[in-house]
């Protein structure tokens, strides 16, 4: 399943970065006209990160791209509260990941768990779930309109090319996806991977974001 789901997302990541002129404006030498050219980051956001409205386990309304992804390093997985499969093990594993990342979670790395059963998992139920696992700050559990959640699942590449397997929600709960949004660096792995290895893998996309760079310029220093 890992290879199948990963292929779904990697297919949308630009393999070639085109050098753009300043401001993304290109001149037509023959007609004397200019037009706006979108950057690879902008094209990826339009194609793979629907800016749908979700609700956190704390009851706050957020936009998926504007509020949760833009300018951030993130770790994303799908789950649901009454899951009897790999969800409990994956969540427990991610708790260990959060502890290893320490104070960086909620500061320069953000964790998101999106329910695959939004019709059942209310913010209150997700909050209870988070408390049961002693989840710390910087890790949000999210629900929303079922159509929006399904759109996110597909766009983020949590899919199976077999329609029968794809319809089974339990086939999409064992994977993690992480990325550095401003640098368009994305990867994934099984949620059962050892916590230390997951942290090491996240390190592959852990380049300074604009916000982190600004903090260092203002005297935040090196990590």
C-alpha atoms as a PDB file:
ATOM      1  CA  UNK A   1       0.000   0.000   0.000  1.00  0.00           C
ATOM      2  CA  UNK A   2       2.936   2.329   0.743  1.00  0.00           C
ATOM      3  CA  UNK A   3       4.138   2.300  -2.845  1.00  0.00           C
ATOM      4  CA  UNK A   4       0.651   2.757  -4.263  1.00  0.00           C
ATOM      5  CA  UNK A   5      -0.256   5.690  -2.042  1.00  0.00           C
ATOM      6  CA  UNK A   6       3.102   7.377  -2.465  1.00  0.00           C
ATOM      7  CA  UNK A   7       2.890   7.176  -6.253  1.00  0.00           C
ATOM      8  CA  UNK A   8      -0.448   8.987  -6.127  1.00  0.00           C
ATOM      9  CA  UNK A   9       1.091  12.037  -4.476  1.00  0.00           C
ATOM     10  CA  UNK A  10       4.516  12.075  -6.078  1.00  0.00           C
ATOM     11  CA  UNK A  11       2.847  12.283  -9.456  1.00  0.00           C
ATOM     12  CA  UNK A  12       1.829  15.865  -8.696  1.00  0.00           C
ATOM     13  CA  UNK A  13       5.219  17.076  -7.487  1.00  0.00           C
ATOM     14  CA  UNK A  14       7.073  19.073 -10.154  1.00  0.00           C
ATOM     15  CA  UNK A  15      10.150  17.214 -11.363  1.00  0.00           C
ATOM     16  CA  UNK A  16      11.599  20.156 -13.223  1.00  0.00           C
ATOM     17  CA  UNK A  17      11.878  23.658 -11.794  1.00  0.00           C
ATOM     18  CA  UNK A  18      11.589  26.340 -14.445  1.00  0.00           C
ATOM     19  CA  UNK A  19      13.585  29.507 -14.004  1.00  0.00           C
ATOM     20  CA  UNK A  20      11.155  32.409 -13.957  1.00  0.00           C
ATOM     21  CA  UNK A  21      11.795  36.039 -14.552  1.00  0.00           C
ATOM     22  CA  UNK A  22      11.524  38.462 -11.652  1.00  0.00           C
ATOM     23  CA  UNK A  23       8.017  38.691 -10.271  1.00  0.00           C
ATOM     24  CA  UNK A  24       6.884  35.814 -12.418  1.00  0.00           C
ATOM     25  CA  UNK A  25       6.297  38.099 -15.392  1.00  0.00           C
ATOM     26  CA  UNK A  26       7.289  36.968 -18.878  1.00  0.00           C
ATOM     27  CA  UNK A  27       7.569  39.318 -21.835  1.00  0.00           C
ATOM     28  CA  UNK A  28       6.352  38.429 -25.294  1.00  0.00           C
ATOM     29  CA  UNK A  29       9.146  39.786 -27.505  1.00  0.00           C
ATOM     30  CA  UNK A  30       6.919  39.762 -30.550  1.00  0.00           C
ATOM     31  CA  UNK A  31       3.781  41.430 -29.222  1.00  0.00           C
ATOM     32  CA  UNK A  32       5.225  43.540 -26.428  1.00  0.00           C
ATOM     33  CA  UNK A  33       2.829  41.996 -23.889  1.00  0.00           C
ATOM     34  CA  UNK A  34       3.461  40.592 -20.434  1.00  0.00           C
ATOM     35  CA  UNK A  35       1.517  38.063 -18.414  1.00  0.00           C
ATOM     36  CA  UNK A  36       1.740  36.512 -14.975  1.00  0.00           C
ATOM     37  CA  UNK A  37       3.381  33.092 -14.736  1.00  0.00           C
ATOM     38  CA  UNK A  38       2.651  30.914 -11.711  1.00  0.00           C
ATOM     39  CA  UNK A  39       5.562  29.422  -9.802  1.00  0.00           C
ATOM     40  CA  UNK A  40       5.879  25.635  -9.282  1.00  0.00           C
ATOM     41  CA  UNK A  41       4.836  26.221  -5.665  1.00  0.00           C
ATOM     42  CA  UNK A  42       1.659  28.016  -6.731  1.00  0.00           C
ATOM     43  CA  UNK A  43       0.802  25.335  -9.271  1.00  0.00           C
ATOM     44  CA  UNK A  44       1.334  22.569  -6.724  1.00  0.00           C
ATOM     45  CA  UNK A  45      -0.873  24.364  -4.182  1.00  0.00           C
ATOM     46  CA  UNK A  46      -3.690  24.747  -6.714  1.00  0.00           C
ATOM     47  CA  UNK A  47      -3.454  21.124  -7.798  1.00  0.00           C
ATOM     48  CA  UNK A  48      -2.881  19.305  -4.514  1.00  0.00           C
ATOM     49  CA  UNK A  49      -3.862  21.499  -1.534  1.00  0.00           C
ATOM     50  CA  UNK A  50      -7.565  22.445  -1.673  1.00  0.00           C
ATOM     51  CA  UNK A  51      -8.154  25.427   0.578  1.00  0.00           C
ATOM     52  CA  UNK A  52     -11.232  23.863   2.177  1.00  0.00           C
ATOM     53  CA  UNK A  53     -12.544  24.813   5.598  1.00  0.00           C
ATOM     54  CA  UNK A  54     -11.905  22.339   8.420  1.00  0.00           C
ATOM     55  CA  UNK A  55     -12.636  22.378  12.151  1.00  0.00           C
ATOM     56  CA  UNK A  56      -9.983  21.584  14.743  1.00  0.00           C
ATOM     57  CA  UNK A  57     -10.576  19.422  17.820  1.00  0.00           C
ATOM     58  CA  UNK A  58     -10.669  22.720  19.714  1.00  0.00           C
ATOM     59  CA  UNK A  59     -13.605  23.937  17.616  1.00  0.00           C
ATOM     60  CA  UNK A  60     -11.670  26.475  15.540  1.00  0.00           C
ATOM     61  CA  UNK A  61     -12.461  26.963  11.843  1.00  0.00           C
ATOM     62  CA  UNK A  62      -9.338  26.884   9.654  1.00  0.00           C
ATOM     63  CA  UNK A  63      -8.455  26.929   5.967  1.00  0.00           C
ATOM     64  CA  UNK A  64      -6.421  23.911   4.933  1.00  0.00           C
ATOM     65  CA  UNK A  65      -3.865  25.737   2.810  1.00  0.00           C
ATOM     66  CA  UNK A  66      -3.924  29.282   4.165  1.00  0.00           C
ATOM     67  CA  UNK A  67      -3.891  28.364   7.859  1.00  0.00           C
ATOM     68  CA  UNK A  68      -2.402  24.867   8.088  1.00  0.00           C
ATOM     69  CA  UNK A  69       0.084  24.424   5.237  1.00  0.00           C
ATOM     70  CA  UNK A  70       1.320  27.739   3.889  1.00  0.00           C
ATOM     71  CA  UNK A  71       4.910  28.565   4.904  1.00  0.00           C
ATOM     72  CA  UNK A  72       5.110  25.536   7.209  1.00  0.00           C
ATOM     73  CA  UNK A  73       6.761  22.153   7.635  1.00  0.00           C
ATOM     74  CA  UNK A  74       3.958  19.686   8.326  1.00  0.00           C
ATOM     75  CA  UNK A  75       3.263  16.050   9.150  1.00  0.00           C
ATOM     76  CA  UNK A  76      -0.141  14.706   8.038  1.00  0.00           C
ATOM     77  CA  UNK A  77      -2.032  11.465   8.524  1.00  0.00           C
ATOM     78  CA  UNK A  78      -5.624  10.230   8.278  1.00  0.00           C
ATOM     79  CA  UNK A  79      -7.410   8.373  11.063  1.00  0.00           C
ATOM     80  CA  UNK A  80     -10.804   7.948  12.738  1.00  0.00           C
ATOM     81  CA  UNK A  81     -11.802   7.579  16.361  1.00  0.00           C
ATOM     82  CA  UNK A  82     -13.449   4.155  16.321  1.00  0.00           C
ATOM     83  CA  UNK A  83     -10.739   2.565  14.199  1.00  0.00           C
ATOM     84  CA  UNK A  84      -9.876  -0.969  15.271  1.00  0.00           C
ATOM     85  CA  UNK A  85      -6.994  -1.338  12.818  1.00  0.00           C
ATOM     86  CA  UNK A  86      -3.735   0.556  12.757  1.00  0.00           C
ATOM     87  CA  UNK A  87      -5.037   3.925  14.000  1.00  0.00           C
ATOM     88  CA  UNK A  88      -4.300   3.383  17.714  1.00  0.00           C
ATOM     89  CA  UNK A  89      -0.779   2.160  16.974  1.00  0.00           C
ATOM     90  CA  UNK A  90      -0.081   4.992  14.532  1.00  0.00           C
ATOM     91  CA  UNK A  91      -1.360   7.627  16.961  1.00  0.00           C
ATOM     92  CA  UNK A  92       0.710   6.177  19.812  1.00  0.00           C
ATOM     93  CA  UNK A  93       3.742   6.166  17.521  1.00  0.00           C
ATOM     94  CA  UNK A  94       3.167   9.788  16.560  1.00  0.00           C
ATOM     95  CA  UNK A  95       2.984  10.753  20.241  1.00  0.00           C
ATOM     96  CA  UNK A  96       6.563   9.473  20.513  1.00  0.00           C
ATOM     97  CA  UNK A  97       7.486  11.425  17.382  1.00  0.00           C
ATOM     98  CA  UNK A  98       6.035  14.580  18.926  1.00  0.00           C
ATOM     99  CA  UNK A  99       8.093  14.063  22.074  1.00  0.00           C
ATOM    100  CA  UNK A 100      11.269  13.592  20.045  1.00  0.00           C
ATOM    101  CA  UNK A 101      10.595  16.782  18.088  1.00  0.00           C
ATOM    102  CA  UNK A 102      10.015  18.613  21.359  1.00  0.00           C
ATOM    103  CA  UNK A 103       9.294  22.327  21.366  1.00  0.00           C
ATOM    104  CA  UNK A 104       9.606  22.530  17.590  1.00  0.00           C
ATOM    105  CA  UNK A 105       6.068  21.108  17.262  1.00  0.00           C
ATOM    106  CA  UNK A 106       3.736  24.072  16.964  1.00  0.00           C
ATOM    107  CA  UNK A 107       6.663  26.379  16.268  1.00  0.00           C
ATOM    108  CA  UNK A 108       8.341  25.229  13.053  1.00  0.00           C
ATOM    109  CA  UNK A 109       6.811  21.779  12.572  1.00  0.00           C
ATOM    110  CA  UNK A 110       3.053  21.188  12.697  1.00  0.00           C
ATOM    111  CA  UNK A 111       1.191  17.875  13.018  1.00  0.00           C
ATOM    112  CA  UNK A 112      -2.296  17.229  11.576  1.00  0.00           C
ATOM    113  CA  UNK A 113      -4.519  14.166  11.886  1.00  0.00           C
ATOM    114  CA  UNK A 114      -7.605  14.297   9.662  1.00  0.00           C
ATOM    115  CA  UNK A 115     -10.564  12.031  10.345  1.00  0.00           C
ATOM    116  CA  UNK A 116     -11.785   9.837   7.506  1.00  0.00           C
ATOM    117  CA  UNK A 117     -15.209   9.691   9.157  1.00  0.00           C
ATOM    118  CA  UNK A 118     -16.189  13.344   9.642  1.00  0.00           C
ATOM    119  CA  UNK A 119     -19.847  12.368   9.817  1.00  0.00           C
ATOM    120  CA  UNK A 120     -19.041  10.561  13.095  1.00  0.00           C
ATOM    121  CA  UNK A 121     -16.019  12.367  14.502  1.00  0.00           C
ATOM    122  CA  UNK A 122     -17.134  15.701  15.901  1.00  0.00           C
ATOM    123  CA  UNK A 123     -14.621  18.192  17.353  1.00  0.00           C
ATOM    124  CA  UNK A 124     -15.673  17.007  20.811  1.00  0.00           C
ATOM    125  CA  UNK A 125     -14.924  13.363  19.989  1.00  0.00           C
ATOM    126  CA  UNK A 126     -11.595  14.296  18.445  1.00  0.00           C
ATOM    127  CA  UNK A 127     -10.731  16.358  21.533  1.00  0.00           C
ATOM    128  CA  UNK A 128     -11.495  13.373  23.756  1.00  0.00           C
ATOM    129  CA  UNK A 129      -9.335  11.190  21.506  1.00  0.00           C
ATOM    130  CA  UNK A 130      -6.455  13.669  21.728  1.00  0.00           C
ATOM    131  CA  UNK A 131      -6.721  13.789  25.532  1.00  0.00           C
ATOM    132  CA  UNK A 132      -6.713   9.994  25.735  1.00  0.00           C
ATOM    133  CA  UNK A 133      -3.347   9.914  23.972  1.00  0.00           C
ATOM    134  CA  UNK A 134      -2.000  12.920  25.892  1.00  0.00           C
ATOM    135  CA  UNK A 135      -1.337  14.806  22.677  1.00  0.00           C
ATOM    136  CA  UNK A 136       0.683  17.984  23.169  1.00  0.00           C
ATOM    137  CA  UNK A 137       0.370  21.476  21.623  1.00  0.00           C
ATOM    138  CA  UNK A 138       1.045  21.863  17.920  1.00  0.00           C
ATOM    139  CA  UNK A 139      -0.825  18.696  16.914  1.00  0.00           C
ATOM    140  CA  UNK A 140      -4.356  19.277  15.663  1.00  0.00           C
ATOM    141  CA  UNK A 141      -7.091  16.750  14.919  1.00  0.00           C
ATOM    142  CA  UNK A 142      -9.363  17.893  12.123  1.00  0.00           C
ATOM    143  CA  UNK A 143     -12.841  17.245  10.800  1.00  0.00           C
ATOM    144  CA  UNK A 144     -14.998  18.899   8.157  1.00  0.00           C
ATOM    145  CA  UNK A 145     -17.559  18.403   5.439  1.00  0.00           C
ATOM    146  CA  UNK A 146     -17.321  14.786   4.161  1.00  0.00           C
ATOM    147  CA  UNK A 147     -16.905  15.978   0.568  1.00  0.00           C
ATOM    148  CA  UNK A 148     -14.026  18.248   1.560  1.00  0.00           C
ATOM    149  CA  UNK A 149     -12.300  15.525   3.558  1.00  0.00           C
ATOM    150  CA  UNK A 150     -12.629  13.086   0.656  1.00  0.00           C
ATOM    151  CA  UNK A 151     -11.189  15.703  -1.700  1.00  0.00           C
ATOM    152  CA  UNK A 152      -8.214  16.188   0.624  1.00  0.00           C
ATOM    153  CA  UNK A 153      -7.609  12.450   0.872  1.00  0.00           C
ATOM    154  CA  UNK A 154      -7.421  12.109  -2.875  1.00  0.00           C
ATOM    155  CA  UNK A 155      -5.405  15.260  -3.514  1.00  0.00           C
ATOM    156  CA  UNK A 156      -2.865  14.372  -0.829  1.00  0.00           C
ATOM    157  CA  UNK A 157      -2.345  10.980  -2.418  1.00  0.00           C
ATOM    158  CA  UNK A 158      -3.860   8.715   0.234  1.00  0.00           C
ATOM    159  CA  UNK A 159      -5.329   6.538  -2.502  1.00  0.00           C
ATOM    160  CA  UNK A 160      -5.323   3.042  -3.952  1.00  0.00           C
ATOM    161  CA  UNK A 161      -5.662   2.498  -7.681  1.00  0.00           C
ATOM    162  CA  UNK A 162      -7.967  -0.438  -7.016  1.00  0.00           C
ATOM    163  CA  UNK A 163     -11.448   1.143  -6.613  1.00  0.00           C
ATOM    164  CA  UNK A 164     -12.583  -1.564  -4.190  1.00  0.00           C
ATOM    165  CA  UNK A 165      -9.577  -1.112  -1.909  1.00  0.00           C
ATOM    166  CA  UNK A 166      -9.772   2.656  -2.269  1.00  0.00           C
ATOM    167  CA  UNK A 167     -13.357   2.635  -0.967  1.00  0.00           C
ATOM    168  CA  UNK A 168     -12.215   0.896   2.224  1.00  0.00           C
ATOM    169  CA  UNK A 169     -11.216   3.678   4.650  1.00  0.00           C
ATOM    170  CA  UNK A 170      -9.026   1.317   6.655  1.00  0.00           C
ATOM    171  CA  UNK A 171      -6.614   1.197   3.716  1.00  0.00           C
ATOM    172  CA  UNK A 172      -5.691   4.857   4.162  1.00  0.00           C
ATOM    173  CA  UNK A 173      -4.842   5.089   7.859  1.00  0.00           C
ATOM    174  CA  UNK A 174      -1.374   3.580   8.001  1.00  0.00           C
ATOM    175  CA  UNK A 175       0.512   6.216   6.037  1.00  0.00           C
ATOM    176  CA  UNK A 176       2.202   9.493   6.912  1.00  0.00           C
ATOM    177  CA  UNK A 177       2.870  12.393   4.597  1.00  0.00           C
ATOM    178  CA  UNK A 178       5.206  15.214   5.503  1.00  0.00           C
ATOM    179  CA  UNK A 179       6.494  18.201   3.646  1.00  0.00           C
ATOM    180  CA  UNK A 180       8.050  21.614   3.534  1.00  0.00           C
ATOM    181  CA  UNK A 181       5.391  23.688   1.773  1.00  0.00           C
ATOM    182  CA  UNK A 182       7.453  26.766   0.808  1.00  0.00           C
ATOM    183  CA  UNK A 183      10.221  24.594  -0.658  1.00  0.00           C
ATOM    184  CA  UNK A 184       7.785  22.095  -2.294  1.00  0.00           C
ATOM    185  CA  UNK A 185       9.557  19.134  -0.668  1.00  0.00           C
ATOM    186  CA  UNK A 186       7.245  16.204   0.109  1.00  0.00           C
ATOM    187  CA  UNK A 187       7.669  12.561   1.111  1.00  0.00           C
ATOM    188  CA  UNK A 188       5.931   9.801   3.043  1.00  0.00           C
ATOM    189  CA  UNK A 189       6.363   6.546   4.941  1.00  0.00           C
ATOM    190  CA  UNK A 190       4.382   3.954   6.925  1.00  0.00           C
ATOM    191  CA  UNK A 191       3.079   5.216  10.255  1.00  0.00           C
ATOM    192  CA  UNK A 192       4.531   2.147  11.949  1.00  0.00           C
ATOM    193  CA  UNK A 193       8.108   3.207  11.240  1.00  0.00           C
ATOM    194  CA  UNK A 194      10.229   3.677  14.366  1.00  0.00           C
ATOM    195  CA  UNK A 195       9.725   7.191  15.818  1.00  0.00           C
ATOM    196  CA  UNK A 196      13.411   8.036  15.537  1.00  0.00           C
ATOM    197  CA  UNK A 197      13.416   7.089  11.877  1.00  0.00           C
ATOM    198  CA  UNK A 198      10.333   9.202  11.204  1.00  0.00           C
ATOM    199  CA  UNK A 199      12.058  12.202  12.783  1.00  0.00           C
ATOM    200  CA  UNK A 200      15.139  11.498  10.668  1.00  0.00           C
ATOM    201  CA  UNK A 201      12.987  11.322   7.522  1.00  0.00           C
ATOM    202  CA  UNK A 202      11.318  14.646   8.363  1.00  0.00           C
ATOM    203  CA  UNK A 203      14.822  16.057   8.595  1.00  0.00           C
ATOM    204  CA  UNK A 204      15.198  15.490   4.855  1.00  0.00           C
ATOM    205  CA  UNK A 205      12.708  18.300   4.184  1.00  0.00           C
ATOM    206  CA  UNK A 206      13.656  20.366   7.222  1.00  0.00           C
ATOM    207  CA  UNK A 207      14.986  23.425   5.447  1.00  0.00           C
ATOM    208  CA  UNK A 208      14.406  26.847   7.018  1.00  0.00           C
ATOM    209  CA  UNK A 209      11.016  28.313   6.162  1.00  0.00           C
ATOM    210  CA  UNK A 210      10.536  32.040   5.681  1.00  0.00           C
ATOM    211  CA  UNK A 211       9.215  32.407   9.226  1.00  0.00           C
ATOM    212  CA  UNK A 212      12.123  30.546  10.773  1.00  0.00           C
ATOM    213  CA  UNK A 213      14.659  32.511   8.764  1.00  0.00           C
ATOM    214  CA  UNK A 214      13.061  35.757   9.913  1.00  0.00           C
ATOM    215  CA  UNK A 215      13.228  34.680  13.562  1.00  0.00           C
ATOM    216  CA  UNK A 216      16.948  33.963  13.191  1.00  0.00           C
ATOM    217  CA  UNK A 217      17.549  37.365  11.610  1.00  0.00           C
ATOM    218  CA  UNK A 218      15.815  38.965  14.594  1.00  0.00           C
ATOM    219  CA  UNK A 219      18.177  37.248  16.989  1.00  0.00           C
ATOM    220  CA  UNK A 220      16.620  33.817  17.429  1.00  0.00           C
ATOM    221  CA  UNK A 221      19.969  32.136  16.729  1.00  0.00           C
ATOM    222  CA  UNK A 222      20.618  28.626  15.514  1.00  0.00           C
ATOM    223  CA  UNK A 223      18.733  25.606  16.777  1.00  0.00           C
END
